[in-house]
Amino acid sequence: MRIIKTSNETTIIPDSLSVYIIPRLIISLYLITIGYKTVSGSKVKSPAQLPSFKDTQSSYTFPEGALAVLYCSIQNLGARTVVWRKATYPNPLTVGKMTYVPDDRYQVHHIPDKEEWNLLIKDIQHNDSGIYECQISTKEKYIRKLIRVIVVDRPYAKRDIVITGRQKMKKGETLLLSCKATGGKSAPDDLDWIKGNRKLISDKSGRINITKHISYVTNTIISNLTIKQAVANDAGTYECRTTDSMSRQFSVDVTGESSDKDKRTITQHAPATSCATTSTVVLYVFVFCVHCSFRYRRVLQLLTTIFKFWIVLAHSIMT
């Protein structure tokens, strides 16, 4: 036992109390030290766990009307949200996978395997040029990647006009020519087919037919000229001329006779028409003879002779 004296009284402390206090005090100090190191260590490691951008392109140049893809690859994103903005816009373009602005040209393409949150801009225009931001919402710090976009004029095809088709054919065949005119920045308003200083048009019979089609994607106008059952007069020089003064000529030669099939068709139709006409005349004469036979016998004899004459005539025509 220990005796502690004070000015007024004396306190007696047993030796066993010091035995219990000292170990507990040492354990408490040890736990406090471990806890401090743990907290300190977590504060040191936490910045390493923040999201960071992978190395991707930071400047793009697109032709007008193209599909623009702005790449943004992020590691350690966790549950945070990716936001796309344009520097001159007050509101975000996209938030996560959702398009925030009322413009369906903007869309986010998320590729989980590559940790990519790419911004798509369809039919990009000159006013889409500028600075874009790929942002990450986090409380620790403001994380963003700046991307510059430049939109240039679309490369236009060279002005040109061509005619395709067969230059030689036989009578009775179908003449088909196709004219394709490309107008550079814009398609020609119209084109005409001309032959012998005469403008060709589609006729009501359907023998001559002209069709046209305009493509505003390639700035091209295409016209097809079709002439059925070509004859010798269809031979000559055809000209395709656009409203913006482009023109091309194409020579066609129609020679020979129609094909054997066409000949058989004409041969078959000609006798049939003659026979039909002859049969009708014979029928009328026969009816007239029958009618007269009931009234005049002598007339009947005369008509019988006439009827025999028509029979011989019809036989000679048919043979």
C-alpha atoms as a PDB file:
ATOM      1  CA  MET A   1       0.000   0.000   0.000  1.00  0.00           C
ATOM      2  CA  ARG A   2       0.972   3.624  -0.618  1.00  0.00           C
ATOM      3  CA  ILE A   3       0.104   6.512   1.666  1.00  0.00           C
ATOM      4  CA  ILE A   4      -0.546   9.925   0.045  1.00  0.00           C
ATOM      5  CA  LYS A   5      -0.584  12.814   2.491  1.00  0.00           C
ATOM      6  CA  THR A   6      -2.325  16.109   1.907  1.00  0.00           C
ATOM      7  CA  SER A   7      -2.659  19.140   4.144  1.00  0.00           C
ATOM      8  CA  ASN A   8      -5.957  18.019   5.646  1.00  0.00           C
ATOM      9  CA  GLU A   9      -6.147  14.298   5.132  1.00  0.00           C
ATOM     10  CA  THR A  10      -4.280  11.190   4.234  1.00  0.00           C
ATOM     11  CA  THR A  11      -5.290   8.965   1.245  1.00  0.00           C
ATOM     12  CA  ILE A  12      -4.331   5.350   1.040  1.00  0.00           C
ATOM     13  CA  ILE A  13      -4.043   3.900  -2.582  1.00  0.00           C
ATOM     14  CA  PRO A  14      -3.612   0.206  -2.966  1.00  0.00           C
ATOM     15  CA  ASP A  15      -0.724  -1.020  -5.236  1.00  0.00           C
ATOM     16  CA  SER A  16      -3.125  -3.086  -7.338  1.00  0.00           C
ATOM     17  CA  LEU A  17      -4.736   0.103  -8.852  1.00  0.00           C
ATOM     18  CA  SER A  18      -1.562   1.059 -10.669  1.00  0.00           C
ATOM     19  CA  VAL A  19      -1.415  -2.420 -12.126  1.00  0.00           C
ATOM     20  CA  TYR A  20      -4.810  -1.974 -13.885  1.00  0.00           C
ATOM     21  CA  ILE A  21      -4.453   1.646 -15.010  1.00  0.00           C
ATOM     22  CA  ILE A  22      -1.095   1.515 -16.748  1.00  0.00           C
ATOM     23  CA  PRO A  23      -1.874  -1.344 -19.217  1.00  0.00           C
ATOM     24  CA  ARG A  24      -5.199   0.180 -20.131  1.00  0.00           C
ATOM     25  CA  LEU A  25      -3.591   3.549 -20.731  1.00  0.00           C
ATOM     26  CA  ILE A  26      -1.008   1.958 -23.030  1.00  0.00           C
ATOM     27  CA  ILE A  27      -3.705   0.118 -25.006  1.00  0.00           C
ATOM     28  CA  SER A  28      -5.735   3.312 -25.423  1.00  0.00           C
ATOM     29  CA  LEU A  29      -2.724   5.202 -26.728  1.00  0.00           C
ATOM     30  CA  TYR A  30      -2.015   2.393 -29.194  1.00  0.00           C
ATOM     31  CA  LEU A  31      -5.574   2.390 -30.537  1.00  0.00           C
ATOM     32  CA  ILE A  32      -5.521   6.153 -30.899  1.00  0.00           C
ATOM     33  CA  THR A  33      -2.282   5.942 -32.873  1.00  0.00           C
ATOM     34  CA  ILE A  34      -3.626   3.207 -35.188  1.00  0.00           C
ATOM     35  CA  GLY A  35      -6.826   5.156 -35.809  1.00  0.00           C
ATOM     36  CA  TYR A  36      -4.917   8.315 -36.658  1.00  0.00           C
ATOM     37  CA  LYS A  37      -2.720   6.472 -39.142  1.00  0.00           C
ATOM     38  CA  THR A  38      -5.766   4.904 -40.756  1.00  0.00           C
ATOM     39  CA  VAL A  39      -7.514   8.243 -41.133  1.00  0.00           C
ATOM     40  CA  SER A  40      -4.336   9.921 -42.356  1.00  0.00           C
ATOM     41  CA  GLY A  41      -3.709   7.128 -44.850  1.00  0.00           C
ATOM     42  CA  SER A  42      -7.220   7.390 -46.293  1.00  0.00           C
ATOM     43  CA  LYS A  43      -6.791  11.113 -46.786  1.00  0.00           C
ATOM     44  CA  VAL A  44      -3.564  10.548 -48.666  1.00  0.00           C
ATOM     45  CA  LYS A  45      -4.996   7.834 -50.946  1.00  0.00           C
ATOM     46  CA  SER A  46      -8.347   9.490 -51.710  1.00  0.00           C
ATOM     47  CA  PRO A  47      -7.085  11.756 -54.539  1.00  0.00           C
ATOM     48  CA  ALA A  48      -5.883   8.658 -56.429  1.00  0.00           C
ATOM     49  CA  GLN A  49      -9.448   7.335 -56.489  1.00  0.00           C
ATOM     50  CA  LEU A  50     -10.884  10.437 -58.162  1.00  0.00           C
ATOM     51  CA  PRO A  51     -12.000  10.102 -61.803  1.00  0.00           C
ATOM     52  CA  SER A  52      -9.446  10.949 -64.467  1.00  0.00           C
ATOM     53  CA  PHE A  53      -9.521  11.271 -68.256  1.00  0.00           C
ATOM     54  CA  LYS A  54      -7.706   8.921 -70.540  1.00  0.00           C
ATOM     55  CA  ASP A  55      -5.601  10.347 -73.332  1.00  0.00           C
ATOM     56  CA  THR A  56      -7.976  11.144 -76.230  1.00  0.00           C
ATOM     57  CA  GLN A  57      -8.035  13.713 -79.004  1.00  0.00           C
ATOM     58  CA  SER A  58      -8.753  17.287 -77.887  1.00  0.00           C
ATOM     59  CA  SER A  59      -9.300  18.945 -81.303  1.00  0.00           C
ATOM     60  CA  TYR A  60     -11.496  17.852 -84.231  1.00  0.00           C
ATOM     61  CA  THR A  61     -12.240  19.141 -87.746  1.00  0.00           C
ATOM     62  CA  PHE A  62     -15.417  17.965 -89.481  1.00  0.00           C
ATOM     63  CA  PRO A  63     -16.944  18.763 -92.893  1.00  0.00           C
ATOM     64  CA  GLU A  64     -20.390  20.310 -92.834  1.00  0.00           C
ATOM     65  CA  GLY A  65     -23.177  17.712 -92.750  1.00  0.00           C
ATOM     66  CA  ALA A  66     -20.994  14.901 -91.358  1.00  0.00           C
ATOM     67  CA  LEU A  67     -21.553  12.830 -88.199  1.00  0.00           C
ATOM     68  CA  ALA A  68     -19.234  14.252 -85.505  1.00  0.00           C
ATOM     69  CA  VAL A  69     -17.948  12.017 -82.693  1.00  0.00           C
ATOM     70  CA  LEU A  70     -16.247  13.650 -79.684  1.00  0.00           C
ATOM     71  CA  TYR A  71     -14.429  11.039 -77.591  1.00  0.00           C
ATOM     72  CA  CYS A  72     -14.309  11.170 -73.788  1.00  0.00           C
ATOM     73  CA  SER A  73     -12.830   8.169 -71.935  1.00  0.00           C
ATOM     74  CA  ILE A  74     -12.903   8.180 -68.120  1.00  0.00           C
ATOM     75  CA  GLN A  75     -11.406   5.840 -65.536  1.00  0.00           C
ATOM     76  CA  ASN A  76     -12.566   5.482 -61.912  1.00  0.00           C
ATOM     77  CA  LEU A  77     -15.891   7.105 -62.727  1.00  0.00           C
ATOM     78  CA  GLY A  78     -17.822   5.054 -60.185  1.00  0.00           C
ATOM     79  CA  ALA A  79     -21.366   6.282 -59.631  1.00  0.00           C
ATOM     80  CA  ARG A  80     -20.612   9.789 -60.840  1.00  0.00           C
ATOM     81  CA  THR A  81     -22.378  11.371 -63.839  1.00  0.00           C
ATOM     82  CA  VAL A  82     -20.831  12.557 -67.089  1.00  0.00           C
ATOM     83  CA  VAL A  83     -22.119  15.882 -68.442  1.00  0.00           C
ATOM     84  CA  TRP A  84     -21.436  17.326 -71.890  1.00  0.00           C
ATOM     85  CA  ARG A  85     -21.564  21.119 -72.326  1.00  0.00           C
ATOM     86  CA  LYS A  86     -20.808  23.706 -74.970  1.00  0.00           C
ATOM     87  CA  ALA A  87     -18.960  26.733 -73.680  1.00  0.00           C
ATOM     88  CA  THR A  88     -21.422  29.207 -75.201  1.00  0.00           C
ATOM     89  CA  TYR A  89     -24.567  27.389 -74.003  1.00  0.00           C
ATOM     90  CA  PRO A  90     -26.056  28.082 -70.553  1.00  0.00           C
ATOM     91  CA  ASN A  91     -27.523  24.580 -70.227  1.00  0.00           C
ATOM     92  CA  PRO A  92     -25.838  21.186 -70.615  1.00  0.00           C
ATOM     93  CA  LEU A  93     -26.241  19.248 -73.842  1.00  0.00           C
ATOM     94  CA  THR A  94     -26.430  15.829 -72.172  1.00  0.00           C
ATOM     95  CA  VAL A  95     -26.578  14.506 -68.617  1.00  0.00           C
ATOM     96  CA  GLY A  96     -25.544  10.866 -68.343  1.00  0.00           C
ATOM     97  CA  LYS A  97     -27.248   9.028 -71.196  1.00  0.00           C
ATOM     98  CA  MET A  98     -30.052  11.599 -71.456  1.00  0.00           C
ATOM     99  CA  THR A  99     -30.134  14.416 -74.014  1.00  0.00           C
ATOM    100  CA  TYR A 100     -30.928  17.595 -72.099  1.00  0.00           C
ATOM    101  CA  VAL A 101     -31.473  20.081 -74.942  1.00  0.00           C
ATOM    102  CA  PRO A 102     -34.452  19.848 -77.358  1.00  0.00           C
ATOM    103  CA  ASP A 103     -32.256  18.864 -80.303  1.00  0.00           C
ATOM    104  CA  ASP A 104     -32.164  15.239 -81.412  1.00  0.00           C
ATOM    105  CA  ARG A 105     -28.889  15.808 -83.248  1.00  0.00           C
ATOM    106  CA  TYR A 106     -27.100  15.392 -79.908  1.00  0.00           C
ATOM    107  CA  GLN A 107     -26.712  11.917 -78.434  1.00  0.00           C
ATOM    108  CA  VAL A 108     -24.375  10.149 -75.982  1.00  0.00           C
ATOM    109  CA  HIS A 109     -22.808   6.861 -77.043  1.00  0.00           C
ATOM    110  CA  HIS A 110     -21.715   4.960 -73.933  1.00  0.00           C
ATOM    111  CA  ILE A 111     -19.249   2.074 -74.373  1.00  0.00           C
ATOM    112  CA  PRO A 112     -18.823   0.396 -70.946  1.00  0.00           C
ATOM    113  CA  ASP A 113     -15.923  -1.860 -71.976  1.00  0.00           C
ATOM    114  CA  LYS A 114     -13.824   1.153 -73.026  1.00  0.00           C
ATOM    115  CA  GLU A 115     -15.180   3.464 -70.309  1.00  0.00           C
ATOM    116  CA  GLU A 116     -16.169   5.909 -73.055  1.00  0.00           C
ATOM    117  CA  TRP A 117     -18.903   8.556 -72.926  1.00  0.00           C
ATOM    118  CA  ASN A 118     -18.741   9.952 -76.469  1.00  0.00           C
ATOM    119  CA  LEU A 119     -20.864  12.826 -77.763  1.00  0.00           C
ATOM    120  CA  LEU A 120     -22.453  12.378 -81.216  1.00  0.00           C
ATOM    121  CA  ILE A 121     -23.544  15.394 -83.280  1.00  0.00           C
ATOM    122  CA  LYS A 122     -25.542  14.468 -86.374  1.00  0.00           C
ATOM    123  CA  ASP A 123     -25.490  16.673 -89.491  1.00  0.00           C
ATOM    124  CA  ILE A 124     -22.984  19.061 -87.926  1.00  0.00           C
ATOM    125  CA  GLN A 125     -23.179  22.688 -89.107  1.00  0.00           C
ATOM    126  CA  HIS A 126     -20.885  25.717 -89.013  1.00  0.00           C
ATOM    127  CA  ASN A 127     -22.601  27.132 -85.910  1.00  0.00           C
ATOM    128  CA  ASP A 128     -21.668  23.928 -84.045  1.00  0.00           C
ATOM    129  CA  SER A 129     -18.032  25.027 -84.024  1.00  0.00           C
ATOM    130  CA  GLY A 130     -16.600  25.942 -80.618  1.00  0.00           C
ATOM    131  CA  ILE A 131     -15.329  24.561 -77.303  1.00  0.00           C
ATOM    132  CA  TYR A 132     -17.041  21.552 -75.734  1.00  0.00           C
ATOM    133  CA  GLU A 133     -16.575  20.238 -72.179  1.00  0.00           C
ATOM    134  CA  CYS A 134     -16.756  16.676 -70.938  1.00  0.00           C
ATOM    135  CA  GLN A 135     -17.474  17.180 -67.219  1.00  0.00           C
ATOM    136  CA  ILE A 136     -17.697  14.862 -64.218  1.00  0.00           C
ATOM    137  CA  SER A 137     -19.947  15.746 -61.305  1.00  0.00           C
ATOM    138  CA  THR A 138     -17.984  15.331 -58.069  1.00  0.00           C
ATOM    139  CA  LYS A 139     -17.824  17.088 -54.686  1.00  0.00           C
ATOM    140  CA  GLU A 140     -14.056  16.806 -54.342  1.00  0.00           C
ATOM    141  CA  LYS A 141     -13.040  18.989 -57.304  1.00  0.00           C
ATOM    142  CA  TYR A 142     -14.149  20.362 -60.686  1.00  0.00           C
ATOM    143  CA  ILE A 143     -13.075  17.813 -63.325  1.00  0.00           C
ATOM    144  CA  ARG A 144     -13.458  18.573 -67.038  1.00  0.00           C
ATOM    145  CA  LYS A 145     -11.837  17.993 -70.428  1.00  0.00           C
ATOM    146  CA  LEU A 146     -11.968  20.702 -73.090  1.00  0.00           C
ATOM    147  CA  ILE A 147     -12.425  19.741 -76.755  1.00  0.00           C
ATOM    148  CA  ARG A 148     -12.219  22.134 -79.706  1.00  0.00           C
ATOM    149  CA  VAL A 149     -14.481  21.536 -82.751  1.00  0.00           C
ATOM    150  CA  ILE A 150     -13.986  23.175 -86.157  1.00  0.00           C
ATOM    151  CA  VAL A 151     -16.548  22.766 -88.970  1.00  0.00           C
ATOM    152  CA  VAL A 152     -15.402  23.398 -92.554  1.00  0.00           C
ATOM    153  CA  ASP A 153     -17.256  23.513 -95.873  1.00  0.00           C
ATOM    154  CA  ARG A 154     -18.296  20.178 -97.289  1.00  0.00           C
ATOM    155  CA  PRO A 155     -16.149  19.061-100.242  1.00  0.00           C
ATOM    156  CA  TYR A 156     -18.318  19.289-103.336  1.00  0.00           C
ATOM    157  CA  ALA A 157     -18.106  17.046-106.367  1.00  0.00           C
ATOM    158  CA  LYS A 158     -16.751  18.483-109.591  1.00  0.00           C
ATOM    159  CA  ARG A 159     -19.302  19.846-112.069  1.00  0.00           C
ATOM    160  CA  ASP A 160     -19.802  17.236-114.748  1.00  0.00           C
ATOM    161  CA  ILE A 161     -22.369  15.761-117.138  1.00  0.00           C
ATOM    162  CA  VAL A 162     -22.310  12.349-118.823  1.00  0.00           C
ATOM    163  CA  ILE A 163     -24.621  10.310-121.095  1.00  0.00           C
ATOM    164  CA  THR A 164     -24.659   6.515-121.150  1.00  0.00           C
ATOM    165  CA  GLY A 165     -26.476   4.087-123.443  1.00  0.00           C
ATOM    166  CA  ARG A 166     -26.185   2.021-126.631  1.00  0.00           C
ATOM    167  CA  GLN A 167     -24.888   3.808-129.692  1.00  0.00           C
ATOM    168  CA  LYS A 168     -25.968   1.141-132.215  1.00  0.00           C
ATOM    169  CA  MET A 169     -29.230  -0.757-132.392  1.00  0.00           C
ATOM    170  CA  LYS A 170     -31.641  -2.343-134.861  1.00  0.00           C
ATOM    171  CA  LYS A 171     -35.068  -1.167-135.855  1.00  0.00           C
ATOM    172  CA  GLY A 172     -37.794  -2.260-133.466  1.00  0.00           C
ATOM    173  CA  GLU A 173     -35.503  -2.323-130.411  1.00  0.00           C
ATOM    174  CA  THR A 174     -35.825   0.027-127.418  1.00  0.00           C
ATOM    175  CA  LEU A 175     -33.560   3.079-127.289  1.00  0.00           C
ATOM    176  CA  LEU A 176     -32.513   3.917-123.716  1.00  0.00           C
ATOM    177  CA  LEU A 177     -30.233   6.833-122.784  1.00  0.00           C
ATOM    178  CA  SER A 178     -29.349   8.069-119.280  1.00  0.00           C
ATOM    179  CA  CYS A 179     -27.998  11.550-118.495  1.00  0.00           C
ATOM    180  CA  LYS A 180     -26.317  12.325-115.136  1.00  0.00           C
ATOM    181  CA  ALA A 181     -25.403  15.941-114.280  1.00  0.00           C
ATOM    182  CA  THR A 182     -23.584  16.991-111.090  1.00  0.00           C
ATOM    183  CA  GLY A 183     -23.781  20.666-110.205  1.00  0.00           C
ATOM    184  CA  GLY A 184     -21.106  21.190-107.523  1.00  0.00           C
ATOM    185  CA  LYS A 185     -22.616  23.042-104.536  1.00  0.00           C
ATOM    186  CA  SER A 186     -26.181  22.360-105.666  1.00  0.00           C
ATOM    187  CA  ALA A 187     -27.934  20.134-108.173  1.00  0.00           C
ATOM    188  CA  PRO A 188     -29.097  21.672-111.498  1.00  0.00           C
ATOM    189  CA  ASP A 189     -32.724  22.739-111.372  1.00  0.00           C
ATOM    190  CA  ASP A 190     -33.664  20.797-114.491  1.00  0.00           C
ATOM    191  CA  LEU A 191     -32.392  19.284-117.742  1.00  0.00           C
ATOM    192  CA  ASP A 192     -33.847  18.703-121.207  1.00  0.00           C
ATOM    193  CA  TRP A 193     -33.372  16.170-123.995  1.00  0.00           C
ATOM    194  CA  ILE A 194     -32.892  17.785-127.430  1.00  0.00           C
ATOM    195  CA  LYS A 195     -32.689  16.191-130.879  1.00  0.00           C
ATOM    196  CA  GLY A 196     -32.380  18.219-134.046  1.00  0.00           C
ATOM    197  CA  ASN A 197     -33.060  21.542-132.236  1.00  0.00           C
ATOM    198  CA  ARG A 198     -36.326  20.054-130.957  1.00  0.00           C
ATOM    199  CA  LYS A 199     -37.059  19.462-127.297  1.00  0.00           C
ATOM    200  CA  LEU A 200     -38.238  15.923-126.605  1.00  0.00           C
ATOM    201  CA  ILE A 201     -41.181  15.303-124.287  1.00  0.00           C
ATOM    202  CA  SER A 202     -43.091  12.237-123.177  1.00  0.00           C
ATOM    203  CA  ASP A 203     -45.930  11.468-125.584  1.00  0.00           C
ATOM    204  CA  LYS A 204     -49.392  10.176-124.759  1.00  0.00           C
ATOM    205  CA  SER A 205     -48.886   6.899-126.616  1.00  0.00           C
ATOM    206  CA  GLY A 206     -46.058   5.943-124.275  1.00  0.00           C
ATOM    207  CA  ARG A 207     -43.558   5.399-127.079  1.00  0.00           C
ATOM    208  CA  ILE A 208     -41.358   8.241-125.786  1.00  0.00           C
ATOM    209  CA  ASN A 209     -40.947   8.457-122.025  1.00  0.00           C
ATOM    210  CA  ILE A 210     -38.700  10.770-119.970  1.00  0.00           C
ATOM    211  CA  THR A 211     -38.113  10.386-116.208  1.00  0.00           C
ATOM    212  CA  LYS A 212     -36.078  12.591-113.830  1.00  0.00           C
ATOM    213  CA  HIS A 213     -34.662  12.215-110.330  1.00  0.00           C
ATOM    214  CA  ILE A 214     -32.730  14.744-108.189  1.00  0.00           C
ATOM    215  CA  SER A 215     -30.370  13.736-105.350  1.00  0.00           C
ATOM    216  CA  TYR A 216     -29.656  16.611-102.934  1.00  0.00           C
ATOM    217  CA  VAL A 217     -27.047  14.479-101.154  1.00  0.00           C
ATOM    218  CA  THR A 218     -24.778  14.167-104.205  1.00  0.00           C
ATOM    219  CA  ASN A 219     -26.155  17.342-105.879  1.00  0.00           C
ATOM    220  CA  THR A 220     -26.982  15.324-108.985  1.00  0.00           C
ATOM    221  CA  ILE A 221     -29.911  15.196-111.413  1.00  0.00           C
ATOM    222  CA  ILE A 222     -30.497  12.029-113.451  1.00  0.00           C
ATOM    223  CA  SER A 223     -32.831  11.715-116.451  1.00  0.00           C
ATOM    224  CA  ASN A 224     -33.660   8.603-118.503  1.00  0.00           C
ATOM    225  CA  LEU A 225     -34.921   8.797-122.092  1.00  0.00           C
ATOM    226  CA  THR A 226     -36.778   5.742-123.436  1.00  0.00           C
ATOM    227  CA  ILE A 227     -37.993   5.334-127.032  1.00  0.00           C
ATOM    228  CA  LYS A 228     -39.821   2.099-127.840  1.00  0.00           C
ATOM    229  CA  GLN A 229     -39.857   0.418-131.269  1.00  0.00           C
ATOM    230  CA  ALA A 230     -36.991   2.495-132.651  1.00  0.00           C
ATOM    231  CA  VAL A 231     -37.195   3.446-136.323  1.00  0.00           C
ATOM    232  CA  ALA A 232     -34.714   4.962-138.778  1.00  0.00           C
ATOM    233  CA  ASN A 233     -35.821   8.503-137.885  1.00  0.00           C
ATOM    234  CA  ASP A 234     -34.778   7.902-134.257  1.00  0.00           C
ATOM    235  CA  ALA A 235     -31.125   7.785-135.332  1.00  0.00           C
ATOM    236  CA  GLY A 236     -29.112  10.966-134.853  1.00  0.00           C
ATOM    237  CA  THR A 237     -27.481  13.115-132.171  1.00  0.00           C
ATOM    238  CA  TYR A 238     -29.158  13.506-128.795  1.00  0.00           C
ATOM    239  CA  GLU A 239     -28.201  16.349-126.470  1.00  0.00           C
ATOM    240  CA  CYS A 240     -28.670  16.523-122.697  1.00  0.00           C
ATOM    241  CA  ARG A 241     -28.686  20.164-121.548  1.00  0.00           C
ATOM    242  CA  THR A 242     -29.063  21.500-117.967  1.00  0.00           C
ATOM    243  CA  THR A 243     -30.463  24.833-116.817  1.00  0.00           C
ATOM    244  CA  ASP A 244     -26.985  25.903-115.648  1.00  0.00           C
ATOM    245  CA  SER A 245     -25.531  25.611-119.178  1.00  0.00           C
ATOM    246  CA  MET A 246     -23.943  22.163-118.985  1.00  0.00           C
ATOM    247  CA  SER A 247     -24.509  19.964-122.039  1.00  0.00           C
ATOM    248  CA  ARG A 248     -23.391  16.678-123.573  1.00  0.00           C
ATOM    249  CA  GLN A 249     -24.130  15.036-126.933  1.00  0.00           C
ATOM    250  CA  PHE A 250     -24.570  11.360-127.786  1.00  0.00           C
ATOM    251  CA  SER A 251     -24.905   9.792-131.264  1.00  0.00           C
ATOM    252  CA  VAL A 252     -27.271   6.882-131.932  1.00  0.00           C
ATOM    253  CA  ASP A 253     -27.361   4.747-135.078  1.00  0.00           C
ATOM    254  CA  VAL A 254     -30.480   2.698-135.919  1.00  0.00           C
ATOM    255  CA  THR A 255     -29.805   0.165-138.678  1.00  0.00           C
ATOM    256  CA  GLY A 256     -31.188  -3.032-140.183  1.00  0.00           C
ATOM    257  CA  GLU A 257     -34.641  -4.470-139.902  1.00  0.00           C
ATOM    258  CA  SER A 258     -36.618  -5.385-136.833  1.00  0.00           C
ATOM    259  CA  SER A 259     -35.960  -8.711-135.158  1.00  0.00           C
ATOM    260  CA  ASP A 260     -37.497 -11.994-136.365  1.00  0.00           C
ATOM    261  CA  LYS A 261     -39.963 -11.841-133.499  1.00  0.00           C
ATOM    262  CA  ASP A 262     -41.239  -8.433-134.613  1.00  0.00           C
ATOM    263  CA  LYS A 263     -41.496  -9.651-138.221  1.00  0.00           C
ATOM    264  CA  ARG A 264     -43.593 -12.649-137.169  1.00  0.00           C
ATOM    265  CA  THR A 265     -45.863 -10.371-135.190  1.00  0.00           C
ATOM    266  CA  ILE A 266     -46.449  -8.042-138.143  1.00  0.00           C
ATOM    267  CA  THR A 267     -46.965 -10.992-140.549  1.00  0.00           C
ATOM    268  CA  GLN A 268     -49.498 -12.605-138.234  1.00  0.00           C
ATOM    269  CA  HIS A 269     -51.518  -9.424-137.727  1.00  0.00           C
ATOM    270  CA  ALA A 270     -51.779  -8.419-141.424  1.00  0.00           C
ATOM    271  CA  PRO A 271     -53.627 -11.545-142.767  1.00  0.00           C
ATOM    272  CA  ALA A 272     -55.915 -11.590-139.764  1.00  0.00           C
ATOM    273  CA  THR A 273     -57.064  -8.042-140.529  1.00  0.00           C
ATOM    274  CA  SER A 274     -57.638  -8.859-144.235  1.00  0.00           C
ATOM    275  CA  CYS A 275     -59.554 -12.023-143.453  1.00  0.00           C
ATOM    276  CA  ALA A 276     -61.717 -10.244-140.925  1.00  0.00           C
ATOM    277  CA  THR A 277     -62.630  -7.541-143.445  1.00  0.00           C
ATOM    278  CA  THR A 278     -63.386 -10.086-146.210  1.00  0.00           C
ATOM    279  CA  SER A 279     -65.510 -12.244-143.920  1.00  0.00           C
ATOM    280  CA  THR A 280     -67.598  -9.246-142.925  1.00  0.00           C
ATOM    281  CA  VAL A 281     -68.333  -8.338-146.563  1.00  0.00           C
ATOM    282  CA  VAL A 282     -69.286 -11.928-147.433  1.00  0.00           C
ATOM    283  CA  LEU A 283     -71.611 -12.082-144.447  1.00  0.00           C
ATOM    284  CA  TYR A 284     -73.432  -8.907-145.493  1.00  0.00           C
ATOM    285  CA  VAL A 285     -73.893 -10.200-149.061  1.00  0.00           C
ATOM    286  CA  PHE A 286     -75.236 -13.511-147.812  1.00  0.00           C
ATOM    287  CA  VAL A 287     -77.797 -11.839-145.556  1.00  0.00           C
ATOM    288  CA  PHE A 288     -78.896  -9.582-148.414  1.00  0.00           C
ATOM    289  CA  CYS A 289     -79.343 -12.591-150.698  1.00  0.00           C
ATOM    290  CA  VAL A 290     -81.470 -14.450-148.171  1.00  0.00           C
ATOM    291  CA  HIS A 291     -83.645 -11.406-147.699  1.00  0.00           C
ATOM    292  CA  CYS A 292     -84.227 -10.990-151.415  1.00  0.00           C
ATOM    293  CA  SER A 293     -84.886 -14.689-152.047  1.00  0.00           C
ATOM    294  CA  PHE A 294     -88.223 -14.470-150.384  1.00  0.00           C
ATOM    295  CA  ARG A 295     -89.431 -11.792-152.820  1.00  0.00           C
ATOM    296  CA  TYR A 296     -87.796 -12.212-156.177  1.00  0.00           C
ATOM    297  CA  ARG A 297     -86.742 -15.519-157.730  1.00  0.00           C
ATOM    298  CA  ARG A 298     -84.939 -13.949-160.677  1.00  0.00           C
ATOM    299  CA  VAL A 299     -83.129 -11.611-158.338  1.00  0.00           C
ATOM    300  CA  LEU A 300     -82.202 -14.669-156.334  1.00  0.00           C
ATOM    301  CA  GLN A 301     -80.459 -16.199-159.310  1.00  0.00           C
ATOM    302  CA  LEU A 302     -78.532 -12.986-159.875  1.00  0.00           C
ATOM    303  CA  LEU A 303     -77.518 -12.733-156.263  1.00  0.00           C
ATOM    304  CA  THR A 304     -76.453 -16.367-156.230  1.00  0.00           C
ATOM    305  CA  THR A 305     -74.070 -15.608-159.049  1.00  0.00           C
ATOM    306  CA  ILE A 306     -72.739 -12.590-157.153  1.00  0.00           C
ATOM    307  CA  PHE A 307     -72.350 -14.691-154.024  1.00  0.00           C
ATOM    308  CA  LYS A 308     -70.269 -17.261-155.900  1.00  0.00           C
ATOM    309  CA  PHE A 309     -68.139 -14.442-157.235  1.00  0.00           C
ATOM    310  CA  TRP A 310     -67.441 -13.192-153.700  1.00  0.00           C
ATOM    311  CA  ILE A 311     -66.545 -16.698-152.589  1.00  0.00           C
ATOM    312  CA  VAL A 312     -63.983 -17.008-155.365  1.00  0.00           C
ATOM    313  CA  LEU A 313     -62.641 -13.504-154.579  1.00  0.00           C
ATOM    314  CA  ALA A 314     -62.336 -14.237-150.865  1.00  0.00           C
ATOM    315  CA  HIS A 315     -60.570 -17.502-151.605  1.00  0.00           C
ATOM    316  CA  SER A 316     -58.056 -15.774-153.836  1.00  0.00           C
ATOM    317  CA  ILE A 317     -57.343 -13.101-151.188  1.00  0.00           C
ATOM    318  CA  MET A 318     -56.849 -15.607-148.376  1.00  0.00           C
ATOM    319  CA  THR A 319     -54.461 -17.739-150.436  1.00  0.00           C
END
